[in-house]
C-alpha atoms as a PDB file:
ATOM      1  CA  MET A   1     107.119  88.860 118.778  1.00  0.00           C
ATOM      2  CA  LYS A   2     105.242  91.569 116.926  1.00  0.00           C
ATOM      3  CA  THR A   3     107.147  94.156 114.968  1.00  0.00           C
ATOM      4  CA  GLN A   4     106.979  97.472 116.807  1.00  0.00           C
ATOM      5  CA  LEU A   5     106.656  99.706 113.732  1.00  0.00           C
ATOM      6  CA  ILE A   6     103.769 101.953 112.794  1.00  0.00           C
ATOM      7  CA  THR A   7     102.943 104.436 110.052  1.00  0.00           C
ATOM      8  CA  LYS A   8     102.317 108.064 110.986  1.00  0.00           C
ATOM      9  CA  GLN A   9      98.634 107.630 110.022  1.00  0.00           C
ATOM     10  CA  GLY A  10      98.356 104.525 112.210  1.00  0.00           C
ATOM     11  CA  PHE A  11      99.975 106.319 115.155  1.00  0.00           C
ATOM     12  CA  GLU A  12      97.567 109.260 114.809  1.00  0.00           C
ATOM     13  CA  LYS A  13      94.571 106.897 114.633  1.00  0.00           C
ATOM     14  CA  LEU A  14      95.594 105.068 117.847  1.00  0.00           C
ATOM     15  CA  LYS A  15      96.352 108.377 119.574  1.00  0.00           C
ATOM     16  CA  SER A  16      92.936 109.812 118.666  1.00  0.00           C
ATOM     17  CA  GLU A  17      91.265 106.630 119.949  1.00  0.00           C
ATOM     18  CA  LEU A  18      93.157 107.013 123.237  1.00  0.00           C
ATOM     19  CA  ASP A  19      92.165 110.684 123.516  1.00  0.00           C
ATOM     20  CA  TYR A  20      88.501 109.866 122.801  1.00  0.00           C
ATOM     21  CA  LEU A  21      88.370 107.041 125.349  1.00  0.00           C
ATOM     22  CA  TRP A  22      90.204 108.958 128.067  1.00  0.00           C
ATOM     23  CA  LYS A  23      88.714 112.436 127.633  1.00  0.00           C
ATOM     24  CA  LYS A  24      85.189 111.732 126.378  1.00  0.00           C
ATOM     25  CA  GLU A  25      83.875 108.196 126.878  1.00  0.00           C
ATOM     26  CA  ARG A  26      85.483 107.350 130.235  1.00  0.00           C
ATOM     27  CA  PRO A  27      84.184 110.493 132.037  1.00  0.00           C
ATOM     28  CA  GLU A  28      80.666 109.849 130.696  1.00  0.00           C
ATOM     29  CA  VAL A  29      80.664 106.204 131.815  1.00  0.00           C
ATOM     30  CA  THR A  30      82.131 107.177 135.199  1.00  0.00           C
ATOM     31  CA  LYS A  31      79.203 109.583 135.756  1.00  0.00           C
ATOM     32  CA  ILE A  32      76.701 106.835 134.933  1.00  0.00           C
ATOM     33  CA  VAL A  33      78.442 104.397 137.303  1.00  0.00           C
ATOM     34  CA  ALA A  34      78.421 106.977 140.107  1.00  0.00           C
ATOM     35  CA  TRP A  35      74.722 107.750 139.499  1.00  0.00           C
ATOM     36  CA  ALA A  36      73.788 104.032 139.359  1.00  0.00           C
ATOM     37  CA  ALA A  37      75.797 103.318 142.514  1.00  0.00           C
ATOM     38  CA  SER A  38      73.891 106.066 144.350  1.00  0.00           C
ATOM     39  CA  LEU A  39      70.625 104.203 143.747  1.00  0.00           C
ATOM     40  CA  GLY A  40      71.518 101.544 146.308  1.00  0.00           C
ATOM     41  CA  ASP A  41      71.498  97.795 145.674  1.00  0.00           C
ATOM     42  CA  ARG A  42      74.164  97.256 143.018  1.00  0.00           C
ATOM     43  CA  SER A  43      73.643  93.506 142.668  1.00  0.00           C
ATOM     44  CA  GLU A  44      70.425  93.963 140.688  1.00  0.00           C
ATOM     45  CA  ASN A  45      71.240  97.288 139.053  1.00  0.00           C
ATOM     46  CA  ALA A  46      71.791  96.639 135.314  1.00  0.00           C
ATOM     47  CA  ASP A  47      72.995 100.203 134.640  1.00  0.00           C
ATOM     48  CA  TYR A  48      75.641  99.847 137.310  1.00  0.00           C
ATOM     49  CA  GLN A  49      76.794  96.383 136.224  1.00  0.00           C
ATOM     50  CA  TYR A  50      76.898  97.137 132.498  1.00  0.00           C
ATOM     51  CA  ASN A  51      78.693 100.477 132.878  1.00  0.00           C
ATOM     52  CA  LYS A  52      81.124  99.125 135.463  1.00  0.00           C
ATOM     53  CA  ARG A  53      82.069  96.398 132.947  1.00  0.00           C
ATOM     54  CA  ARG A  54      82.344  99.036 130.183  1.00  0.00           C
ATOM     55  CA  LEU A  55      84.625 101.090 132.439  1.00  0.00           C
ATOM     56  CA  ARG A  56      86.925  98.065 132.885  1.00  0.00           C
ATOM     57  CA  GLU A  57      86.969  97.563 129.091  1.00  0.00           C
ATOM     58  CA  ILE A  58      87.854 101.226 128.534  1.00  0.00           C
ATOM     59  CA  ASP A  59      90.604 101.102 131.165  1.00  0.00           C
ATOM     60  CA  ARG A  60      92.047  97.924 129.633  1.00  0.00           C
ATOM     61  CA  ARG A  61      92.080  99.488 126.149  1.00  0.00           C
ATOM     62  CA  VAL A  62      93.588 102.740 127.496  1.00  0.00           C
ATOM     63  CA  ARG A  63      96.414 100.803 129.175  1.00  0.00           C
ATOM     64  CA  PHE A  64      97.021  98.850 125.964  1.00  0.00           C
ATOM     65  CA  LEU A  65      97.055 102.012 123.815  1.00  0.00           C
ATOM     66  CA  LYS A  66      99.401 103.889 126.163  1.00  0.00           C
ATOM     67  CA  LYS A  67     101.801 100.948 126.267  1.00  0.00           C
ATOM     68  CA  THR A  68     101.636 100.490 122.493  1.00  0.00           C
ATOM     69  CA  LEU A  69     102.132 104.180 121.678  1.00  0.00           C
ATOM     70  CA  GLU A  70     105.198 104.293 123.943  1.00  0.00           C
ATOM     71  CA  ALA A  71     106.725 101.178 122.359  1.00  0.00           C
ATOM     72  CA  VAL A  72     106.187 101.729 118.633  1.00  0.00           C
ATOM     73  CA  LYS A  73     108.512 103.502 116.246  1.00  0.00           C
ATOM     74  CA  ILE A  74     106.932 105.700 113.578  1.00  0.00           C
ATOM     75  CA  VAL A  75     108.292 104.929 110.127  1.00  0.00           C
ATOM     76  CA  GLU A  76     107.826 107.629 107.530  1.00  0.00           C
ATOM     77  CA  TYR A  77     108.455 107.506 103.796  1.00  0.00           C
ATOM     78  CA  HIS A  78     111.989 108.255 102.646  1.00  0.00           C
ATOM     79  CA  PRO A  79     112.863 108.953  98.986  1.00  0.00           C
ATOM     80  CA  GLN A  80     115.368 106.061  99.066  1.00  0.00           C
ATOM     81  CA  GLN A  81     112.378 103.708  99.249  1.00  0.00           C
ATOM     82  CA  ALA A  82     111.108 104.754  95.810  1.00  0.00           C
ATOM     83  CA  GLY A  83     110.702 101.834  93.451  1.00  0.00           C
ATOM     84  CA  LYS A  84     111.023  99.123  96.110  1.00  0.00           C
ATOM     85  CA  ILE A  85     108.626  97.579  98.589  1.00  0.00           C
ATOM     86  CA  PHE A  86     109.232  98.546 102.208  1.00  0.00           C
ATOM     87  CA  PHE A  87     107.123  99.272 105.286  1.00  0.00           C
ATOM     88  CA  GLY A  88     104.217 101.603 104.464  1.00  0.00           C
ATOM     89  CA  ALA A  89     104.091 100.734 100.754  1.00  0.00           C
ATOM     90  CA  TRP A  90     100.905 100.238  98.791  1.00  0.00           C
ATOM     91  CA  VAL A  91     101.527  97.158  96.665  1.00  0.00           C
ATOM     92  CA  GLU A  92      99.625  95.769  93.695  1.00  0.00           C
ATOM     93  CA  LEU A  93     100.316  92.180  92.721  1.00  0.00           C
ATOM     94  CA  GLU A  94      98.982  90.034  89.901  1.00  0.00           C
ATOM     95  CA  ASP A  95      99.116  86.269  89.463  1.00  0.00           C
ATOM     96  CA  ILE A  96      99.480  84.348  86.182  1.00  0.00           C
ATOM     97  CA  ASP A  97      95.684  84.052  85.883  1.00  0.00           C
ATOM     98  CA  GLY A  98      95.281  87.842  85.973  1.00  0.00           C
ATOM     99  CA  ASN A  99      93.913  88.015  89.520  1.00  0.00           C
ATOM    100  CA  SER A 100      95.099  91.156  91.258  1.00  0.00           C
ATOM    101  CA  LEU A 101      95.669  91.943  94.896  1.00  0.00           C
ATOM    102  CA  THR A 102      96.260  95.394  96.401  1.00  0.00           C
ATOM    103  CA  PHE A 103      97.318  96.053  99.988  1.00  0.00           C
ATOM    104  CA  ARG A 104      99.371  98.304 102.242  1.00  0.00           C
ATOM    105  CA  ILE A 105     102.107  96.917 104.467  1.00  0.00           C
ATOM    106  CA  VAL A 106     101.660  98.358 107.972  1.00  0.00           C
ATOM    107  CA  GLY A 107     102.324  97.575 111.636  1.00  0.00           C
ATOM    108  CA  PRO A 108     100.394  94.807 113.408  1.00  0.00           C
ATOM    109  CA  GLU A 109      98.236  97.279 115.373  1.00  0.00           C
ATOM    110  CA  GLU A 110      97.082  99.077 112.208  1.00  0.00           C
ATOM    111  CA  ILE A 111      95.295  96.251 110.397  1.00  0.00           C
ATOM    112  CA  TYR A 112      92.124  96.140 112.514  1.00  0.00           C
ATOM    113  CA  GLY A 113      89.133  97.704 110.833  1.00  0.00           C
ATOM    114  CA  GLU A 114      91.162  98.524 107.748  1.00  0.00           C
ATOM    115  CA  LYS A 115      90.445  96.992 104.391  1.00  0.00           C
ATOM    116  CA  ASN A 116      93.504  96.064 102.313  1.00  0.00           C
ATOM    117  CA  HIS A 117      96.057  96.474 105.116  1.00  0.00           C
ATOM    118  CA  ILE A 118      98.366  93.606 106.062  1.00  0.00           C
ATOM    119  CA  SER A 119     100.858  93.312 108.874  1.00  0.00           C
ATOM    120  CA  ILE A 120     104.573  93.550 108.165  1.00  0.00           C
ATOM    121  CA  ASP A 121     104.726  90.199 110.005  1.00  0.00           C
ATOM    122  CA  ALA A 122     102.435  88.453 107.462  1.00  0.00           C
ATOM    123  CA  PRO A 123     104.109  85.959 105.115  1.00  0.00           C
ATOM    124  CA  MET A 124     102.848  87.897 102.071  1.00  0.00           C
ATOM    125  CA  ALA A 125     104.409  91.136 103.337  1.00  0.00           C
ATOM    126  CA  ARG A 126     107.705  89.405 104.183  1.00  0.00           C
ATOM    127  CA  ALA A 127     107.832  87.875 100.698  1.00  0.00           C
ATOM    128  CA  CYS A 128     107.295  91.299  99.080  1.00  0.00           C
ATOM    129  CA  LEU A 129     109.970  93.257 100.955  1.00  0.00           C
ATOM    130  CA  LYS A 130     112.673  94.808  98.755  1.00  0.00           C
ATOM    131  CA  LYS A 131     110.946  93.684  95.548  1.00  0.00           C
ATOM    132  CA  GLN A 132     110.498  96.009  92.576  1.00  0.00           C
ATOM    133  CA  VAL A 133     107.933  96.312  89.774  1.00  0.00           C
ATOM    134  CA  ASP A 134     107.986  93.173  87.565  1.00  0.00           C
ATOM    135  CA  ASP A 135     109.717  91.098  90.275  1.00  0.00           C
ATOM    136  CA  GLU A 136     108.280  87.711  91.163  1.00  0.00           C
ATOM    137  CA  VAL A 137     106.907  87.164  94.673  1.00  0.00           C
ATOM    138  CA  ILE A 138     106.572  83.577  95.871  1.00  0.00           C
ATOM    139  CA  VAL A 139     104.407  82.982  98.938  1.00  0.00           C
ATOM    140  CA  GLN A 140     103.961  79.685 100.747  1.00  0.00           C
ATOM    141  CA  THR A 141     100.238  79.083 101.268  1.00  0.00           C
ATOM    142  CA  PRO A 142      98.426  76.136 102.881  1.00  0.00           C
ATOM    143  CA  SER A 143      97.714  74.812  99.370  1.00  0.00           C
ATOM    144  CA  GLY A 144     101.312  75.215  98.192  1.00  0.00           C
ATOM    145  CA  LYS A 145     103.464  77.928  96.686  1.00  0.00           C
ATOM    146  CA  LYS A 146     101.711  80.812  94.950  1.00  0.00           C
ATOM    147  CA  GLU A 147     103.437  83.109  92.448  1.00  0.00           C
ATOM    148  CA  TRP A 148     102.639  86.794  92.086  1.00  0.00           C
ATOM    149  CA  PHE A 149     104.225  89.597  90.087  1.00  0.00           C
ATOM    150  CA  VAL A 150     104.674  93.145  91.363  1.00  0.00           C
ATOM    151  CA  VAL A 151     102.594  95.487  89.195  1.00  0.00           C
ATOM    152  CA  ASP A 152     102.739  98.744  91.175  1.00  0.00           C
ATOM    153  CA  ILE A 153     104.354 100.246  94.279  1.00  0.00           C
ATOM    154  CA  HIS A 154     103.507 103.623  95.766  1.00  0.00           C
ATOM    155  CA  TYR A 155     103.697 105.401  99.108  1.00  0.00           C
ATOM    156  CA  GLU A 156     101.466 107.938 100.847  1.00  0.00           C
ATOM    157  CA  GLN A 157     103.459 111.056 101.587  1.00  0.00           C
END
């Protein structure tokens, strides 16, 4: 089961995608489908077939976005979170070899197309929760346990 949390920025991004698909792209594709259908034989009409498929893809994504936006809970920064890792935090970790890793802990629907975002459901995120700067984070990886140290925590406000 996915965690149904989202940052305010993530919610706004999904909402703007929904608005774009529903108000701009879908009407344009619908016009093309209607025009292509008016030409007659649909079985050999590439415009009709391609745009009809695109319309189904848009409708599927619109249904998914509507359902997701109704189900998620927006989590905003609260001053009590300062100094500890919680949902929405930007985290910088460093291992004993000096390798660093920076990421933001976000909802599962926010990670796509975003560099340095990980899901709250990821083992790394779970291991970091409630940690503070200088705390040790131990994550089980396929090659064994990996140790990291919390170097920095900050939140977008």
